[in-house]
């Protein structure tokens, strides 16, 4: 552990210049006294680190000092940069290790390659806040051979042919201009343009793919997070979708959510029930979903949904009002 910390300390000084003992201690998650002992160990090992006294003092490296880190492939480098560009969660307690790895990767890259790899990392978005489907689904996987071709085309800026199986359609070959890749939980998406129109493809439905030599028609720089939010908003507001205001028994919440496209809002009520704003594919689906929950749910809006549920309940009551 100490050897890793010493390497991280050197890289911090290389990339940020002079840093105080307190600042280094915060970055390395140790005490200032430990930092001082590490500085002494580095000096004894021949690393040209020195201290500057005074109010704005700290530790620094002599100009020209360099380190060399090797052994990472291009894909390994890209994977670490993408992981390190997320929201900063300490997944499995590996947050500090990931930050250290990213520092090493950036330091190892030749000066002329840093901007190229950073641009490639911007083409991959992991776990944005917005999602096309907000409730939990089973894990989805794309064929590994197809995924390699898709990723290469996205990063190289080349056109892409995909054999895609859309819902209720036979698989077809399509040529697209890839923009970027997005992963949300267990689902992955390819954002692209086809014949000038925006398209979003589920990676689990890409049966095969082929990177083409022709350059893709796309902007040189991209704000993938903004594009993803816009497509999510468009998806959730289009077609015959119905957004309903519903009261539900907390014990049946997951059943309701599992039949919906999205949960737009959720608040507890004084009686312990939950008030949800839920989007369904259409009015018929909304009616069916609420009917399955019987007395454990109540549709508050829209009025047409309440009317359809009341008419259905009345018909059932009439049918069973008398003995057969």
Protein backbone atom coordinates (compact mmCIF):
# COMPACT_ATOMS: atom_id res chain seq x y z
CA UNK A 1 0.00 0.00 0.00
CA UNK A 2 2.76 2.47 0.83
CA UNK A 3 4.47 1.94 -2.53
CA UNK A 4 1.21 2.83 -4.31
CA UNK A 5 0.84 5.90 -2.11
CA UNK A 6 4.36 7.08 -2.90
CA UNK A 7 3.70 6.77 -6.65
CA UNK A 8 0.44 8.69 -6.26
CA UNK A 9 2.24 11.40 -4.29
CA UNK A 10 4.84 11.86 -7.04
CA UNK A 11 2.14 12.00 -9.73
CA UNK A 12 0.14 14.58 -7.80
CA UNK A 13 3.19 16.82 -7.56
CA UNK A 14 3.97 16.33 -11.25
CA UNK A 15 0.46 17.18 -12.42
CA UNK A 16 -0.45 19.96 -9.99
CA UNK A 17 2.86 21.48 -9.03
CA UNK A 18 3.48 22.69 -5.49
CA UNK A 19 1.05 21.29 -2.90
CA UNK A 20 0.88 21.72 0.85
CA UNK A 21 1.11 18.78 3.26
CA UNK A 22 -2.57 19.30 4.14
CA UNK A 23 -3.63 19.19 0.47
CA UNK A 24 -1.60 16.03 -0.17
CA UNK A 25 -3.04 14.44 2.98
CA UNK A 26 -6.59 15.09 1.75
CA UNK A 27 -5.86 13.60 -1.69
CA UNK A 28 -4.12 10.51 -0.29
CA UNK A 29 -6.50 10.12 2.68
CA UNK A 30 -3.69 10.08 5.25
CA UNK A 31 -2.44 12.47 7.94
CA UNK A 32 -0.04 15.36 7.22
CA UNK A 33 2.53 13.55 9.38
CA UNK A 34 2.32 10.52 7.07
CA UNK A 35 2.86 12.81 4.10
CA UNK A 36 6.01 14.22 5.73
CA UNK A 37 7.36 10.71 6.31
CA UNK A 38 6.59 9.78 2.68
CA UNK A 39 8.42 12.90 1.46
CA UNK A 40 11.45 11.89 3.53
CA UNK A 41 11.33 8.38 2.04
CA UNK A 42 11.16 9.75 -1.51
CA UNK A 43 14.12 12.06 -0.87
CA UNK A 44 16.14 9.16 0.53
CA UNK A 45 15.32 7.16 -2.62
CA UNK A 46 16.65 9.92 -4.88
CA UNK A 47 13.41 11.57 -5.95
CA UNK A 48 14.14 15.34 -6.24
CA UNK A 49 11.33 16.59 -3.99
CA UNK A 50 11.88 19.69 -1.90
CA UNK A 51 9.98 21.85 0.58
CA UNK A 52 9.20 25.55 0.25
CA UNK A 53 8.61 27.38 3.50
CA UNK A 54 6.20 30.21 4.15
CA UNK A 55 2.49 30.95 3.92
CA UNK A 56 2.18 29.72 0.33
CA UNK A 57 4.79 26.99 0.67
CA UNK A 58 4.51 23.28 0.19
CA UNK A 59 6.23 20.38 -1.53
CA UNK A 60 7.33 20.35 -5.17
CA UNK A 61 9.50 18.40 -7.63
CA UNK A 62 12.53 19.81 -9.37
CA UNK A 63 11.69 20.77 -13.00
CA UNK A 64 12.37 18.05 -15.55
CA UNK A 65 11.80 15.10 -13.26
CA UNK A 66 9.88 12.35 -15.09
CA UNK A 67 8.37 8.94 -14.47
CA UNK A 68 7.45 6.16 -16.85
CA UNK A 69 4.41 3.89 -16.54
CA UNK A 70 3.73 1.17 -19.13
CA UNK A 71 1.70 -1.99 -19.59
CA UNK A 72 -1.80 -0.63 -20.34
CA UNK A 73 -3.41 -1.28 -23.73
CA UNK A 74 -5.40 1.42 -25.52
CA UNK A 75 -8.72 -0.14 -24.44
CA UNK A 76 -7.51 -0.47 -20.82
CA UNK A 77 -6.47 3.18 -20.82
CA UNK A 78 -9.82 4.25 -22.28
CA UNK A 79 -11.77 2.11 -19.80
CA UNK A 80 -10.02 3.70 -16.83
CA UNK A 81 -10.53 7.22 -18.17
CA UNK A 82 -14.23 6.59 -18.77
CA UNK A 83 -14.68 5.04 -15.32
CA UNK A 84 -12.86 7.96 -13.73
CA UNK A 85 -15.06 10.50 -15.52
CA UNK A 86 -18.27 9.31 -13.84
CA UNK A 87 -20.06 10.77 -10.86
CA UNK A 88 -17.38 9.85 -8.35
CA UNK A 89 -19.17 7.07 -6.46
CA UNK A 90 -16.92 4.90 -4.32
CA UNK A 91 -17.99 1.60 -5.91
CA UNK A 92 -17.07 -1.39 -3.71
CA UNK A 93 -14.75 0.91 -1.78
CA UNK A 94 -12.45 1.37 -4.79
CA UNK A 95 -12.87 5.13 -5.20
CA UNK A 96 -9.34 6.06 -4.02
CA UNK A 97 -7.80 3.23 -6.07
CA UNK A 98 -9.64 4.41 -9.19
CA UNK A 99 -8.50 8.01 -8.68
CA UNK A 100 -4.91 6.80 -8.28
CA UNK A 101 -5.16 4.66 -11.42
CA UNK A 102 -6.51 7.54 -13.49
CA UNK A 103 -3.65 9.79 -12.35
CA UNK A 104 -1.14 7.12 -13.42
CA UNK A 105 -2.82 6.66 -16.79
CA UNK A 106 -2.87 10.36 -17.56
CA UNK A 107 0.75 10.72 -16.51
CA UNK A 108 1.81 7.77 -18.68
CA UNK A 109 0.26 9.14 -21.88
CA UNK A 110 2.53 10.97 -24.33
CA UNK A 111 1.77 14.66 -24.39
CA UNK A 112 0.34 14.54 -27.95
CA UNK A 113 -2.01 11.64 -27.17
CA UNK A 114 -3.74 13.05 -24.10
CA UNK A 115 -6.26 15.18 -26.01
CA UNK A 116 -7.03 12.28 -28.41
CA UNK A 117 -7.83 9.83 -25.62
CA UNK A 118 -9.77 12.46 -23.67
CA UNK A 119 -11.93 13.11 -26.75
CA UNK A 120 -12.55 9.37 -27.11
CA UNK A 121 -13.62 9.18 -23.45
CA UNK A 122 -16.20 11.93 -24.09
CA UNK A 123 -17.86 9.59 -26.61
CA UNK A 124 -18.80 7.13 -23.83
CA UNK A 125 -21.35 8.02 -21.13
CA UNK A 126 -21.90 5.81 -18.08
CA UNK A 127 -24.99 5.99 -15.85
CA UNK A 128 -26.41 9.44 -16.64
CA UNK A 129 -29.24 10.75 -14.47
CA UNK A 130 -31.82 10.43 -17.26
CA UNK A 131 -33.03 7.10 -18.59
CA UNK A 132 -35.47 5.94 -21.25
CA UNK A 133 -36.83 3.23 -18.94
CA UNK A 134 -36.64 4.18 -15.27
CA UNK A 135 -37.68 0.93 -13.61
CA UNK A 136 -35.52 -2.13 -13.09
CA UNK A 137 -35.16 -4.56 -15.95
CA UNK A 138 -33.32 -7.85 -16.41
CA UNK A 139 -29.64 -7.53 -17.46
CA UNK A 140 -29.09 -7.09 -21.19
CA UNK A 141 -25.98 -8.03 -23.12
CA UNK A 142 -24.85 -7.39 -26.67
CA UNK A 143 -22.80 -10.00 -28.58
CA UNK A 144 -19.14 -9.32 -27.80
CA UNK A 145 -18.02 -9.45 -31.45
CA UNK A 146 -20.70 -6.96 -32.45
CA UNK A 147 -19.86 -4.71 -29.49
CA UNK A 148 -16.21 -4.51 -30.56
CA UNK A 149 -17.22 -3.30 -34.03
CA UNK A 150 -19.72 -0.80 -32.59
CA UNK A 151 -17.18 0.64 -30.16
CA UNK A 152 -14.49 0.93 -32.84
CA UNK A 153 -16.83 2.79 -35.18
CA UNK A 154 -17.94 5.19 -32.42
CA UNK A 155 -14.38 6.03 -31.38
CA UNK A 156 -12.92 6.16 -34.90
CA UNK A 157 -15.78 8.26 -36.27
CA UNK A 158 -16.65 5.77 -39.02
CA UNK A 159 -20.01 4.73 -40.42
CA UNK A 160 -21.47 1.53 -38.97
CA UNK A 161 -23.63 -1.29 -40.33
CA UNK A 162 -25.74 -3.05 -37.72
CA UNK A 163 -28.02 -6.07 -37.97
CA UNK A 164 -30.76 -4.83 -35.68
CA UNK A 165 -33.83 -6.62 -34.32
CA UNK A 166 -36.42 -3.94 -33.56
CA UNK A 167 -39.51 -4.81 -31.51
CA UNK A 168 -42.00 -6.95 -33.47
CA UNK A 169 -39.90 -6.71 -36.64
CA UNK A 170 -37.60 -9.05 -38.50
CA UNK A 171 -33.88 -8.16 -38.10
CA UNK A 172 -32.61 -5.76 -40.77
CA UNK A 173 -29.26 -4.31 -41.77
CA UNK A 174 -29.00 -0.55 -41.27
CA UNK A 175 -26.16 1.89 -41.95
CA UNK A 176 -25.85 4.62 -39.33
CA UNK A 177 -23.60 7.47 -38.25
CA UNK A 178 -22.65 6.63 -34.64
CA UNK A 179 -22.52 9.48 -32.13
CA UNK A 180 -21.81 7.74 -28.84
CA UNK A 181 -22.53 4.91 -26.42
CA UNK A 182 -24.57 5.17 -23.21
CA UNK A 183 -24.92 2.59 -20.48
CA UNK A 184 -27.59 2.88 -17.77
CA UNK A 185 -27.57 0.15 -15.15
CA UNK A 186 -27.77 -3.11 -17.07
CA UNK A 187 -28.78 -1.58 -20.41
CA UNK A 188 -26.65 -0.13 -23.19
CA UNK A 189 -27.64 2.17 -26.04
CA UNK A 190 -26.07 3.36 -29.29
CA UNK A 191 -26.90 6.97 -30.14
CA UNK A 192 -26.68 7.55 -33.88
CA UNK A 193 -28.15 9.30 -36.89
CA UNK A 194 -29.66 7.50 -39.86
CA UNK A 195 -30.45 9.36 -43.06
CA UNK A 196 -30.22 12.61 -41.10
CA UNK A 197 -32.67 11.54 -38.36
CA UNK A 198 -31.85 10.85 -34.69
CA UNK A 199 -31.92 7.18 -33.73
CA UNK A 200 -31.40 5.31 -30.45
CA UNK A 201 -30.62 1.57 -30.61
CA UNK A 202 -30.64 -0.94 -27.76
CA UNK A 203 -27.27 -2.73 -27.85
CA UNK A 204 -28.88 -6.01 -26.78
CA UNK A 205 -30.79 -5.99 -30.09
CA UNK A 206 -27.67 -5.53 -32.23
CA UNK A 207 -27.10 -9.06 -33.57
CA UNK A 208 -24.06 -8.21 -35.68
CA UNK A 209 -22.11 -5.11 -36.65
CA UNK A 210 -19.48 -3.98 -39.15
CA UNK A 211 -17.31 -0.86 -38.99
CA UNK A 212 -17.15 0.82 -42.40
CA UNK A 213 -14.19 2.85 -43.72
CA UNK A 214 -16.30 5.91 -44.61
CA UNK A 215 -16.27 8.78 -42.09
CA UNK A 216 -19.47 9.28 -40.08
CA UNK A 217 -21.46 12.46 -40.56
CA UNK A 218 -21.34 13.88 -37.06
CA UNK A 219 -20.01 16.96 -35.21
CA UNK A 220 -16.37 16.93 -34.14
CA UNK A 221 -17.29 17.59 -30.51
CA UNK A 222 -20.26 16.23 -28.62
CA UNK A 223 -22.11 16.81 -25.35
CA UNK A 224 -23.38 13.27 -24.91
CA UNK A 225 -25.12 13.97 -21.60
CA UNK A 226 -27.20 16.76 -23.17
CA UNK A 227 -28.10 14.65 -26.22
CA UNK A 228 -29.16 11.76 -23.98
CA UNK A 229 -31.38 13.99 -21.82
CA UNK A 230 -33.06 15.41 -24.93
CA UNK A 231 -33.76 11.96 -26.34
CA UNK A 232 -35.14 10.75 -23.00
CA UNK A 233 -37.48 13.75 -22.80
CA UNK A 234 -38.62 13.18 -26.39
CA UNK A 235 -39.24 9.50 -25.75
CA UNK A 236 -41.21 10.05 -22.57
CA UNK A 237 -43.45 12.71 -24.13
CA UNK A 238 -44.18 11.10 -27.49
CA UNK A 239 -46.76 8.75 -29.01
CA UNK A 240 -49.95 7.70 -27.21
CA UNK A 241 -48.34 7.63 -23.78
CA UNK A 242 -50.44 8.46 -20.73
CA UNK A 243 -49.16 9.98 -17.51
CA UNK A 244 -51.33 9.14 -14.52
CA UNK A 245 -51.43 10.38 -10.93
CA UNK A 246 -51.85 7.31 -8.73
CA UNK A 247 -52.19 6.45 -5.03
CA UNK A 248 -50.78 3.02 -4.23
CA UNK A 249 -50.24 0.79 -1.22
CA UNK A 250 -46.43 0.68 -0.64
CA UNK A 251 -46.60 -3.13 -0.59
CA UNK A 252 -47.77 -3.09 -4.23
CA UNK A 253 -45.50 -0.28 -5.47
CA UNK A 254 -43.06 -2.53 -7.34
CA UNK A 255 -45.90 -4.23 -9.20
CA UNK A 256 -47.13 -0.87 -10.43
CA UNK A 257 -43.67 0.43 -11.35
CA UNK A 258 -42.79 -2.77 -13.22
CA UNK A 259 -45.65 -2.16 -15.68
CA UNK A 260 -44.81 1.50 -16.33
CA UNK A 261 -42.43 3.29 -18.66
CA UNK A 262 -41.29 5.78 -16.06
CA UNK A 263 -41.92 7.21 -12.61
CA UNK A 264 -41.86 11.00 -12.95
CA UNK A 265 -42.53 11.86 -9.29
CA UNK A 266 -43.13 10.10 -5.98
CA UNK A 267 -44.26 11.42 -2.58
CA UNK A 268 -45.48 9.77 0.66
CA UNK A 269 -48.97 10.57 1.98
CA UNK A 270 -50.12 10.94 5.57
CA UNK A 271 -51.95 7.59 5.58
CA UNK A 272 -48.76 5.74 4.60
CA UNK A 273 -49.67 5.28 0.93
CA UNK A 274 -47.57 6.67 -1.91
CA UNK A 275 -48.58 9.22 -4.54
CA UNK A 276 -46.84 8.55 -7.86
CA UNK A 277 -46.83 10.26 -11.24
CA UNK A 278 -46.41 7.35 -13.64
CA UNK A 279 -46.15 7.15 -17.43
CA UNK A 280 -47.70 4.22 -19.33
CA UNK A 281 -47.41 3.30 -23.05
CA UNK A 282 -51.11 4.09 -23.67
CA UNK A 283 -54.50 4.43 -21.98
CA UNK A 284 -55.33 0.75 -22.32
CA UNK A 285 -52.10 -0.27 -20.62
CA UNK A 286 -52.70 2.22 -17.80
CA UNK A 287 -56.19 0.84 -17.20
CA UNK A 288 -54.90 -2.74 -17.15
CA UNK A 289 -52.04 -1.91 -14.75
CA UNK A 290 -54.34 -0.21 -12.22
CA UNK A 291 -56.98 -2.94 -12.51
CA UNK A 292 -54.42 -5.60 -11.51
CA UNK A 293 -53.90 -3.86 -8.17
CA UNK A 294 -57.62 -3.82 -7.29
CA UNK A 295 -58.24 -1.88 -4.06
CA UNK A 296 -54.51 -1.37 -3.41
CA UNK A 297 -54.32 1.47 -5.92
CA UNK A 298 -56.42 4.45 -6.97
CA UNK A 299 -56.10 6.50 -10.16
CA UNK A 300 -56.52 10.21 -9.33
CA UNK A 301 -55.93 11.55 -12.83
CA UNK A 302 -56.58 11.80 -15.71
CA UNK A 303 -60.40 11.75 -15.37
CA UNK A 304 -60.70 9.45 -18.39
CA UNK A 305 -58.70 6.76 -16.57
CA UNK A 306 -60.94 6.99 -13.49
CA UNK A 307 -64.00 6.74 -15.74
CA UNK A 308 -62.76 3.65 -17.56
CA UNK A 309 -61.89 1.89 -14.28
CA UNK A 310 -65.29 2.80 -12.79
CA UNK A 311 -67.13 1.48 -15.85
CA UNK A 312 -65.16 -1.75 -15.71
CA UNK A 313 -65.87 -2.18 -11.99
CA UNK A 314 -69.57 -1.44 -12.57
CA UNK A 315 -69.76 -4.05 -15.30
CA UNK A 316 -68.17 -6.68 -13.03
CA UNK A 317 -70.51 -5.75 -10.16
CA UNK A 318 -73.54 -6.04 -12.42
CA UNK A 319 -72.39 -9.42 -13.73
CA UNK A 320 -72.04 -10.89 -10.23
CA UNK A 321 -74.95 -9.05 -8.58
CA UNK A 322 -77.32 -12.03 -8.85
CA UNK A 323 -76.78 -15.74 -8.47
CA UNK A 324 -76.35 -17.71 -11.71
